[in-house]
Amino acid sequence: MRKIVVFLAIGMSLILLLGFTGSGLKSQEAECEHKPTQLRQNVSEYTIVSASKLDKLQKDVNKKLKNDWYPIGGISIVDSNSFCQVMVKP
C-alpha cells in the first residue's frame, strides 16, 4: 500500500511540475513567481525529501531551500508516520 501511495504522490508532483491544469481548475500562473514552462526549462535536479515527523520534514526542506531547491506541490502524507515533499533545483 505504501508503494502505491508514494507512486501516486510522485505522479501528482510530476503532473504539477509539467504545468498540467485539469479541466475546470483555475490556473494560478499569474500569481506564481515562476511560470510552469519557465520552471520546467530550468530544472536540473529532482528529489523527494521524506521524514517520519512533520517537524523533521520542515527542517530538511528548509535546509534544501537554503541550497537553492524549490518545493513543488504540497506535502504528501504516505501514512501516519511518513511525509514527503517534492523539490527541484534549477
PDB file of N, CA and C in Angstrom:
ATOM      1  N   MET A   1       0.827  -1.196   0.000  1.00  0.00           N
ATOM      2  CA  MET A   1       0.000   0.000   0.000  1.00  0.00           C
ATOM      3  C   MET A   1       0.875   1.266   0.000  1.00  0.00           C
ATOM      4  N   ARG A   2       1.958   1.240   0.796  1.00  0.00           N
ATOM      5  CA  ARG A   2       2.823   2.404   0.882  1.00  0.00           C
ATOM      6  C   ARG A   2       3.446   2.732  -0.476  1.00  0.00           C
ATOM      7  N   LYS A   3       3.847   1.700  -1.233  1.00  0.00           N
ATOM      8  CA  LYS A   3       4.450   1.930  -2.544  1.00  0.00           C
ATOM      9  C   LYS A   3       3.453   2.584  -3.482  1.00  0.00           C
ATOM     10  N   ILE A   4       2.195   2.213  -3.391  1.00  0.00           N
ATOM     11  CA  ILE A   4       1.163   2.799  -4.248  1.00  0.00           C
ATOM     12  C   ILE A   4       0.993   4.273  -3.922  1.00  0.00           C
ATOM     13  N   VAL A   5       0.962   4.611  -2.633  1.00  0.00           N
ATOM     14  CA  VAL A   5       0.774   5.999  -2.226  1.00  0.00           C
ATOM     15  C   VAL A   5       1.977   6.843  -2.656  1.00  0.00           C
ATOM     16  N   VAL A   6       3.180   6.320  -2.481  1.00  0.00           N
ATOM     17  CA  VAL A   6       4.381   7.054  -2.912  1.00  0.00           C
ATOM     18  C   VAL A   6       4.362   7.230  -4.425  1.00  0.00           C
ATOM     19  N   PHE A   7       3.992   6.187  -5.148  1.00  0.00           N
ATOM     20  CA  PHE A   7       3.900   6.272  -6.609  1.00  0.00           C
ATOM     21  C   PHE A   7       2.902   7.348  -7.023  1.00  0.00           C
ATOM     22  N   LEU A   8       1.743   7.384  -6.360  1.00  0.00           N
ATOM     23  CA  LEU A   8       0.740   8.403  -6.680  1.00  0.00           C
ATOM     24  C   LEU A   8       1.244   9.799  -6.339  1.00  0.00           C
ATOM     25  N   ALA A   9       1.940   9.942  -5.217  1.00  0.00           N
ATOM     26  CA  ALA A   9       2.485  11.245  -4.839  1.00  0.00           C
ATOM     27  C   ALA A   9       3.503  11.731  -5.866  1.00  0.00           C
ATOM     28  N   ILE A  10       4.354  10.840  -6.313  1.00  0.00           N
ATOM     29  CA  ILE A  10       5.353  11.209  -7.329  1.00  0.00           C
ATOM     30  C   ILE A  10       4.658  11.575  -8.635  1.00  0.00           C
ATOM     31  N   GLY A  11       3.674  10.788  -9.013  1.00  0.00           N
ATOM     32  CA  GLY A  11       2.935  11.067 -10.251  1.00  0.00           C
ATOM     33  C   GLY A  11       2.259  12.422 -10.218  1.00  0.00           C
ATOM     34  N   MET A  12       1.606  12.733  -9.106  1.00  0.00           N
ATOM     35  CA  MET A  12       0.932  14.024  -8.986  1.00  0.00           C
ATOM     36  C   MET A  12       1.947  15.167  -9.004  1.00  0.00           C
ATOM     37  N   SER A  13       3.089  14.966  -8.379  1.00  0.00           N
ATOM     38  CA  SER A  13       4.117  16.004  -8.381  1.00  0.00           C
ATOM     39  C   SER A  13       4.650  16.248  -9.782  1.00  0.00           C
ATOM     40  N   LEU A  14       4.824  15.188 -10.545  1.00  0.00           N
ATOM     41  CA  LEU A  14       5.291  15.350 -11.922  1.00  0.00           C
ATOM     42  C   LEU A  14       4.253  16.072 -12.766  1.00  0.00           C
ATOM     43  N   ILE A  15       2.986  15.778 -12.536  1.00  0.00           N
ATOM     44  CA  ILE A  15       1.924  16.484 -13.259  1.00  0.00           C
ATOM     45  C   ILE A  15       1.994  17.971 -12.944  1.00  0.00           C
ATOM     46  N   LEU A  16       2.169  18.307 -11.658  1.00  0.00           N
ATOM     47  CA  LEU A  16       2.299  19.714 -11.278  1.00  0.00           C
ATOM     48  C   LEU A  16       3.546  20.333 -11.887  1.00  0.00           C
ATOM     49  N   LEU A  17       4.628  19.584 -11.904  1.00  0.00           N
ATOM     50  CA  LEU A  17       5.882  20.076 -12.473  1.00  0.00           C
ATOM     51  C   LEU A  17       5.728  20.392 -13.953  1.00  0.00           C
ATOM     52  N   LEU A  18       4.956  19.600 -14.659  1.00  0.00           N
ATOM     53  CA  LEU A  18       4.760  19.805 -16.091  1.00  0.00           C
ATOM     54  C   LEU A  18       3.735  20.886 -16.399  1.00  0.00           C
ATOM     55  N   GLY A  19       3.133  21.464 -15.369  1.00  0.00           N
ATOM     56  CA  GLY A  19       2.227  22.576 -15.577  1.00  0.00           C
ATOM     57  C   GLY A  19       0.841  22.175 -16.019  1.00  0.00           C
ATOM     58  N   PHE A  20       0.437  20.952 -15.736  1.00  0.00           N
ATOM     59  CA  PHE A  20      -0.886  20.476 -16.133  1.00  0.00           C
ATOM     60  C   PHE A  20      -1.947  21.093 -15.243  1.00  0.00           C
ATOM     61  N   THR A  21      -3.008  21.624 -15.869  1.00  0.00           N
ATOM     62  CA  THR A  21      -4.171  22.044 -15.101  1.00  0.00           C
ATOM     63  C   THR A  21      -5.372  21.346 -15.709  1.00  0.00           C
ATOM     64  N   GLY A  22      -6.036  20.574 -14.915  1.00  0.00           N
ATOM     65  CA  GLY A  22      -7.183  19.808 -15.389  1.00  0.00           C
ATOM     66  C   GLY A  22      -8.336  20.709 -15.755  1.00  0.00           C
ATOM     67  N   SER A  23      -9.295  20.182 -16.519  1.00  0.00           N
ATOM     68  CA  SER A  23     -10.455  20.969 -16.926  1.00  0.00           C
ATOM     69  C   SER A  23     -11.246  21.383 -15.704  1.00  0.00           C
ATOM     70  N   GLY A  24     -11.667  22.626 -15.693  1.00  0.00           N
ATOM     71  CA  GLY A  24     -12.448  23.141 -14.589  1.00  0.00           C
ATOM     72  C   GLY A  24     -11.612  23.712 -13.456  1.00  0.00           C
ATOM     73  N   LEU A  25     -10.303  23.570 -13.510  1.00  0.00           N
ATOM     74  CA  LEU A  25      -9.453  24.120 -12.479  1.00  0.00           C
ATOM     75  C   LEU A  25      -8.885  25.454 -12.945  1.00  0.00           C
ATOM     76  N   LYS A  26      -8.876  26.418 -12.059  1.00  0.00           N
ATOM     77  CA  LYS A  26      -8.359  27.739 -12.387  1.00  0.00           C
ATOM     78  C   LYS A  26      -6.833  27.727 -12.310  1.00  0.00           C
ATOM     79  N   SER A  27      -6.176  28.201 -13.335  1.00  0.00           N
ATOM     80  CA  SER A  27      -4.722  28.264 -13.352  1.00  0.00           C
ATOM     81  C   SER A  27      -4.246  29.398 -12.451  1.00  0.00           C
ATOM     82  N   GLN A  28      -3.199  29.158 -11.704  1.00  0.00           N
ATOM     83  CA  GLN A  28      -2.634  30.153 -10.800  1.00  0.00           C
ATOM     84  C   GLN A  28      -1.343  30.749 -11.354  1.00  0.00           C
ATOM     85  N   GLU A  29      -1.073  30.569 -12.644  1.00  0.00           N
ATOM     86  CA  GLU A  29       0.191  31.004 -13.229  1.00  0.00           C
ATOM     87  C   GLU A  29       0.471  32.484 -13.006  1.00  0.00           C
ATOM     88  N   ALA A  30      -0.543  33.328 -13.104  1.00  0.00           N
ATOM     89  CA  ALA A  30      -0.324  34.759 -12.986  1.00  0.00           C
ATOM     90  C   ALA A  30       0.166  35.138 -11.590  1.00  0.00           C
ATOM     91  N   GLU A  31      -0.177  34.342 -10.573  1.00  0.00           N
ATOM     92  CA  GLU A  31       0.209  34.646  -9.211  1.00  0.00           C
ATOM     93  C   GLU A  31       1.549  34.036  -8.830  1.00  0.00           C
ATOM     94  N   CYS A  32       2.096  33.156  -9.631  1.00  0.00           N
ATOM     95  CA  CYS A  32       3.344  32.466  -9.300  1.00  0.00           C
ATOM     96  C   CYS A  32       4.544  33.296  -9.717  1.00  0.00           C
ATOM     97  N   GLU A  33       5.630  33.149  -8.971  1.00  0.00           N
ATOM     98  CA  GLU A  33       6.871  33.827  -9.333  1.00  0.00           C
ATOM     99  C   GLU A  33       7.433  33.230 -10.619  1.00  0.00           C
ATOM    100  N   HIS A  34       7.379  31.898 -10.735  1.00  0.00           N
ATOM    101  CA  HIS A  34       7.870  31.202 -11.920  1.00  0.00           C
ATOM    102  C   HIS A  34       6.687  30.545 -12.615  1.00  0.00           C
ATOM    103  N   LYS A  35       6.544  30.776 -13.896  1.00  0.00           N
ATOM    104  CA  LYS A  35       5.521  30.072 -14.651  1.00  0.00           C
ATOM    105  C   LYS A  35       5.978  28.629 -14.838  1.00  0.00           C
ATOM    106  N   PRO A  36       5.039  27.670 -14.930  1.00  0.00           N
ATOM    107  CA  PRO A  36       5.426  26.266 -15.068  1.00  0.00           C
ATOM    108  C   PRO A  36       6.377  26.012 -16.230  1.00  0.00           C
ATOM    109  N   THR A  37       6.190  26.707 -17.370  1.00  0.00           N
ATOM    110  CA  THR A  37       7.079  26.469 -18.504  1.00  0.00           C
ATOM    111  C   THR A  37       8.484  26.974 -18.208  1.00  0.00           C
ATOM    112  N   GLN A  38       8.601  28.095 -17.493  1.00  0.00           N
ATOM    113  CA  GLN A  38       9.916  28.604 -17.123  1.00  0.00           C
ATOM    114  C   GLN A  38      10.593  27.629 -16.160  1.00  0.00           C
ATOM    115  N   LEU A  39       9.867  27.166 -15.180  1.00  0.00           N
ATOM    116  CA  LEU A  39      10.415  26.240 -14.203  1.00  0.00           C
ATOM    117  C   LEU A  39      10.836  24.946 -14.870  1.00  0.00           C
ATOM    118  N   ARG A  40      10.010  24.424 -15.752  1.00  0.00           N
ATOM    119  CA  ARG A  40      10.302  23.156 -16.422  1.00  0.00           C
ATOM    120  C   ARG A  40      11.604  23.265 -17.218  1.00  0.00           C
ATOM    121  N   GLN A  41      11.856  24.396 -17.854  1.00  0.00           N
ATOM    122  CA  GLN A  41      13.062  24.563 -18.657  1.00  0.00           C
ATOM    123  C   GLN A  41      14.310  24.673 -17.791  1.00  0.00           C
ATOM    124  N   ASN A  42      14.145  25.097 -16.545  1.00  0.00           N
ATOM    125  CA  ASN A  42      15.293  25.345 -15.694  1.00  0.00           C
ATOM    126  C   ASN A  42      15.585  24.230 -14.697  1.00  0.00           C
ATOM    127  N   VAL A  43      14.801  23.180 -14.643  1.00  0.00           N
ATOM    128  CA  VAL A  43      15.009  22.125 -13.659  1.00  0.00           C
ATOM    129  C   VAL A  43      16.208  21.274 -14.050  1.00  0.00           C
ATOM    130  N   SER A  44      17.175  21.187 -13.126  1.00  0.00           N
ATOM    131  CA  SER A  44      18.339  20.339 -13.381  1.00  0.00           C
ATOM    132  C   SER A  44      18.360  19.122 -12.465  1.00  0.00           C
ATOM    133  N   GLU A  45      17.668  19.214 -11.318  1.00  0.00           N
ATOM    134  CA  GLU A  45      17.624  18.095 -10.384  1.00  0.00           C
ATOM    135  C   GLU A  45      16.234  17.991  -9.769  1.00  0.00           C
ATOM    136  N   TYR A  46      15.880  16.765  -9.381  1.00  0.00           N
ATOM    137  CA  TYR A  46      14.586  16.454  -8.785  1.00  0.00           C
ATOM    138  C   TYR A  46      14.834  15.521  -7.607  1.00  0.00           C
ATOM    139  N   THR A  47      14.208  15.791  -6.471  1.00  0.00           N
ATOM    140  CA  THR A  47      14.363  14.913  -5.312  1.00  0.00           C
ATOM    141  C   THR A  47      13.085  14.880  -4.501  1.00  0.00           C
ATOM    142  N   ILE A  48      12.993  13.880  -3.659  1.00  0.00           N
ATOM    143  CA  ILE A  48      11.878  13.769  -2.728  1.00  0.00           C
ATOM    144  C   ILE A  48      12.461  13.744  -1.329  1.00  0.00           C
ATOM    145  N   VAL A  49      12.084  14.722  -0.521  1.00  0.00           N
ATOM    146  CA  VAL A  49      12.511  14.782   0.873  1.00  0.00           C
ATOM    147  C   VAL A  49      11.437  14.067   1.678  1.00  0.00           C
ATOM    148  N   SER A  50      11.837  13.129   2.528  1.00  0.00           N
ATOM    149  CA  SER A  50      10.851  12.420   3.342  1.00  0.00           C
ATOM    150  C   SER A  50      11.316  12.358   4.789  1.00  0.00           C
ATOM    151  N   ALA A  51      10.342  12.260   5.700  1.00  0.00           N
ATOM    152  CA  ALA A  51      10.642  12.182   7.129  1.00  0.00           C
ATOM    153  C   ALA A  51       9.477  11.506   7.834  1.00  0.00           C
ATOM    154  N   SER A  52       9.757  11.028   9.038  1.00  0.00           N
ATOM    155  CA  SER A  52       8.715  10.342   9.802  1.00  0.00           C
ATOM    156  C   SER A  52       7.907  11.302  10.664  1.00  0.00           C
ATOM    157  N   LYS A  53       8.384  12.540  10.813  1.00  0.00           N
ATOM    158  CA  LYS A  53       7.656  13.553  11.583  1.00  0.00           C
ATOM    159  C   LYS A  53       7.647  14.859  10.796  1.00  0.00           C
ATOM    160  N   LEU A  54       6.555  15.622  10.944  1.00  0.00           N
ATOM    161  CA  LEU A  54       6.427  16.870  10.189  1.00  0.00           C
ATOM    162  C   LEU A  54       7.511  17.884  10.548  1.00  0.00           C
ATOM    163  N   ASP A  55       7.881  17.984  11.819  1.00  0.00           N
ATOM    164  CA  ASP A  55       8.919  18.950  12.183  1.00  0.00           C
ATOM    165  C   ASP A  55      10.268  18.591  11.561  1.00  0.00           C
ATOM    166  N   LYS A  56      10.562  17.306  11.429  1.00  0.00           N
ATOM    167  CA  LYS A  56      11.791  16.863  10.756  1.00  0.00           C
ATOM    168  C   LYS A  56      11.733  17.193   9.267  1.00  0.00           C
ATOM    169  N   LEU A  57      10.565  16.974   8.642  1.00  0.00           N
ATOM    170  CA  LEU A  57      10.399  17.326   7.228  1.00  0.00           C
ATOM    171  C   LEU A  57      10.615  18.819   7.029  1.00  0.00           C
ATOM    172  N   GLN A  58      10.046  19.614   7.915  1.00  0.00           N
ATOM    173  CA  GLN A  58      10.195  21.063   7.819  1.00  0.00           C
ATOM    174  C   GLN A  58      11.666  21.468   7.893  1.00  0.00           C
ATOM    175  N   LYS A  59      12.415  20.901   8.812  1.00  0.00           N
ATOM    176  CA  LYS A  59      13.843  21.215   8.935  1.00  0.00           C
ATOM    177  C   LYS A  59      14.610  20.801   7.682  1.00  0.00           C
ATOM    178  N   ASP A  60      14.300  19.605   7.167  1.00  0.00           N
ATOM    179  CA  ASP A  60      15.000  19.120   5.968  1.00  0.00           C
ATOM    180  C   ASP A  60      14.676  19.964   4.741  1.00  0.00           C
ATOM    181  N   VAL A  61      13.412  20.366   4.599  1.00  0.00           N
ATOM    182  CA  VAL A  61      13.014  21.220   3.466  1.00  0.00           C
ATOM    183  C   VAL A  61      13.682  22.587   3.593  1.00  0.00           C
ATOM    184  N   ASN A  62      13.736  23.135   4.797  1.00  0.00           N
ATOM    185  CA  ASN A  62      14.397  24.431   4.998  1.00  0.00           C
ATOM    186  C   ASN A  62      15.876  24.372   4.641  1.00  0.00           C
ATOM    187  N   LYS A  63      16.534  23.254   4.934  1.00  0.00           N
ATOM    188  CA  LYS A  63      17.942  23.086   4.538  1.00  0.00           C
ATOM    189  C   LYS A  63      18.075  23.116   3.017  1.00  0.00           C
ATOM    190  N   LYS A  64      17.152  22.414   2.331  1.00  0.00           N
ATOM    191  CA  LYS A  64      17.186  22.395   0.865  1.00  0.00           C
ATOM    192  C   LYS A  64      16.921  23.784   0.299  1.00  0.00           C
ATOM    193  N   LEU A  65      15.986  24.528   0.892  1.00  0.00           N
ATOM    194  CA  LEU A  65      15.670  25.875   0.419  1.00  0.00           C
ATOM    195  C   LEU A  65      16.907  26.776   0.453  1.00  0.00           C
ATOM    196  N   LYS A  66      17.734  26.611   1.479  1.00  0.00           N
ATOM    197  CA  LYS A  66      18.957  27.414   1.599  1.00  0.00           C
ATOM    198  C   LYS A  66      19.984  27.056   0.527  1.00  0.00           C
ATOM    199  N   ASN A  67      19.810  25.895  -0.099  1.00  0.00           N
ATOM    200  CA  ASN A  67      20.722  25.450  -1.162  1.00  0.00           C
ATOM    201  C   ASN A  67      20.062  25.521  -2.540  1.00  0.00           C
ATOM    202  N   ASP A  68      19.142  26.471  -2.704  1.00  0.00           N
ATOM    203  CA  ASP A  68      18.507  26.773  -3.997  1.00  0.00           C
ATOM    204  C   ASP A  68      17.560  25.694  -4.517  1.00  0.00           C
ATOM    205  N   TRP A  69      16.977  24.869  -3.654  1.00  0.00           N
ATOM    206  CA  TRP A  69      15.944  23.918  -4.054  1.00  0.00           C
ATOM    207  C   TRP A  69      14.593  24.594  -3.866  1.00  0.00           C
ATOM    208  N   TYR A  70      13.601  24.205  -4.676  1.00  0.00           N
ATOM    209  CA  TYR A  70      12.257  24.765  -4.602  1.00  0.00           C
ATOM    210  C   TYR A  70      11.238  23.646  -4.440  1.00  0.00           C
ATOM    211  N   PRO A  71      10.267  23.825  -3.517  1.00  0.00           N
ATOM    212  CA  PRO A  71       9.227  22.794  -3.369  1.00  0.00           C
ATOM    213  C   PRO A  71       8.253  22.838  -4.538  1.00  0.00           C
ATOM    214  N   ILE A  72       7.770  21.678  -4.927  1.00  0.00           N
ATOM    215  CA  ILE A  72       6.767  21.569  -5.987  1.00  0.00           C
ATOM    216  C   ILE A  72       5.559  20.868  -5.377  1.00  0.00           C
ATOM    217  N   GLY A  73       4.408  21.518  -5.447  1.00  0.00           N
ATOM    218  CA  GLY A  73       3.205  20.910  -4.880  1.00  0.00           C
ATOM    219  C   GLY A  73       3.239  20.946  -3.366  1.00  0.00           C
ATOM    220  N   GLY A  74       2.295  20.239  -2.781  1.00  0.00           N
ATOM    221  CA  GLY A  74       2.181  20.210  -1.327  1.00  0.00           C
ATOM    222  C   GLY A  74       2.846  18.986  -0.733  1.00  0.00           C
ATOM    223  N   ILE A  75       2.691  18.859   0.556  1.00  0.00           N
ATOM    224  CA  ILE A  75       3.235  17.712   1.278  1.00  0.00           C
ATOM    225  C   ILE A  75       2.374  16.498   0.995  1.00  0.00           C
ATOM    226  N   SER A  76       3.009  15.366   0.764  1.00  0.00           N
ATOM    227  CA  SER A  76       2.293  14.100   0.601  1.00  0.00           C
ATOM    228  C   SER A  76       2.383  13.324   1.906  1.00  0.00           C
ATOM    229  N   ILE A  77       1.241  12.838   2.366  1.00  0.00           N
ATOM    230  CA  ILE A  77       1.195  12.029   3.578  1.00  0.00           C
ATOM    231  C   ILE A  77       1.060  10.582   3.145  1.00  0.00           C
ATOM    232  N   VAL A  78       2.099   9.792   3.380  1.00  0.00           N
ATOM    233  CA  VAL A  78       2.100   8.400   2.948  1.00  0.00           C
ATOM    234  C   VAL A  78       1.316   7.556   3.943  1.00  0.00           C
ATOM    235  N   ASP A  79       1.585   7.709   5.213  1.00  0.00           N
ATOM    236  CA  ASP A  79       0.807   7.087   6.277  1.00  0.00           C
ATOM    237  C   ASP A  79       0.994   7.956   7.519  1.00  0.00           C
ATOM    238  N   SER A  80       0.572   7.483   8.667  1.00  0.00           N
ATOM    239  CA  SER A  80       0.598   8.338   9.862  1.00  0.00           C
ATOM    240  C   SER A  80       2.000   8.726  10.311  1.00  0.00           C
ATOM    241  N   ASN A  81       3.028   8.072   9.790  1.00  0.00           N
ATOM    242  CA  ASN A  81       4.394   8.437  10.192  1.00  0.00           C
ATOM    243  C   ASN A  81       5.353   8.526   9.010  1.00  0.00           C
ATOM    244  N   SER A  82       4.858   9.007   7.870  1.00  0.00           N
ATOM    245  CA  SER A  82       5.722   9.193   6.709  1.00  0.00           C
ATOM    246  C   SER A  82       5.190  10.326   5.839  1.00  0.00           C
ATOM    247  N   PHE A  83       6.006  11.370   5.702  1.00  0.00           N
ATOM    248  CA  PHE A  83       5.623  12.568   4.970  1.00  0.00           C
ATOM    249  C   PHE A  83       6.675  12.874   3.916  1.00  0.00           C
ATOM    250  N   CYS A  84       6.252  13.392   2.752  1.00  0.00           N
ATOM    251  CA  CYS A  84       7.176  13.666   1.641  1.00  0.00           C
ATOM    252  C   CYS A  84       6.914  15.042   1.046  1.00  0.00           C
ATOM    253  N   GLN A  85       7.979  15.650   0.514  1.00  0.00           N
ATOM    254  CA  GLN A  85       7.888  16.902  -0.224  1.00  0.00           C
ATOM    255  C   GLN A  85       8.781  16.787  -1.450  1.00  0.00           C
ATOM    256  N   VAL A  86       8.214  17.008  -2.624  1.00  0.00           N
ATOM    257  CA  VAL A  86       9.000  17.004  -3.854  1.00  0.00           C
ATOM    258  C   VAL A  86       9.680  18.358  -3.986  1.00  0.00           C
ATOM    259  N   MET A  87      10.953  18.323  -4.405  1.00  0.00           N
ATOM    260  CA  MET A  87      11.712  19.556  -4.588  1.00  0.00           C
ATOM    261  C   MET A  87      12.527  19.462  -5.865  1.00  0.00           C
ATOM    262  N   VAL A  88      12.726  20.622  -6.505  1.00  0.00           N
ATOM    263  CA  VAL A  88      13.529  20.698  -7.712  1.00  0.00           C
ATOM    264  C   VAL A  88      14.594  21.771  -7.549  1.00  0.00           C
ATOM    265  N   LYS A  89      15.638  21.629  -8.367  1.00  0.00           N
ATOM    266  CA  LYS A  89      16.722  22.605  -8.348  1.00  0.00           C
ATOM    267  C   LYS A  89      16.968  23.089  -9.771  1.00  0.00           C
ATOM    268  N   PRO A  90      17.005  24.406  -9.958  1.00  0.00           N
ATOM    269  CA  PRO A  90      17.259  24.932 -11.305  1.00  0.00           C
ATOM    270  C   PRO A  90      18.679  24.673 -11.758  1.00  0.00           C
TER     271      PRO A  90
END
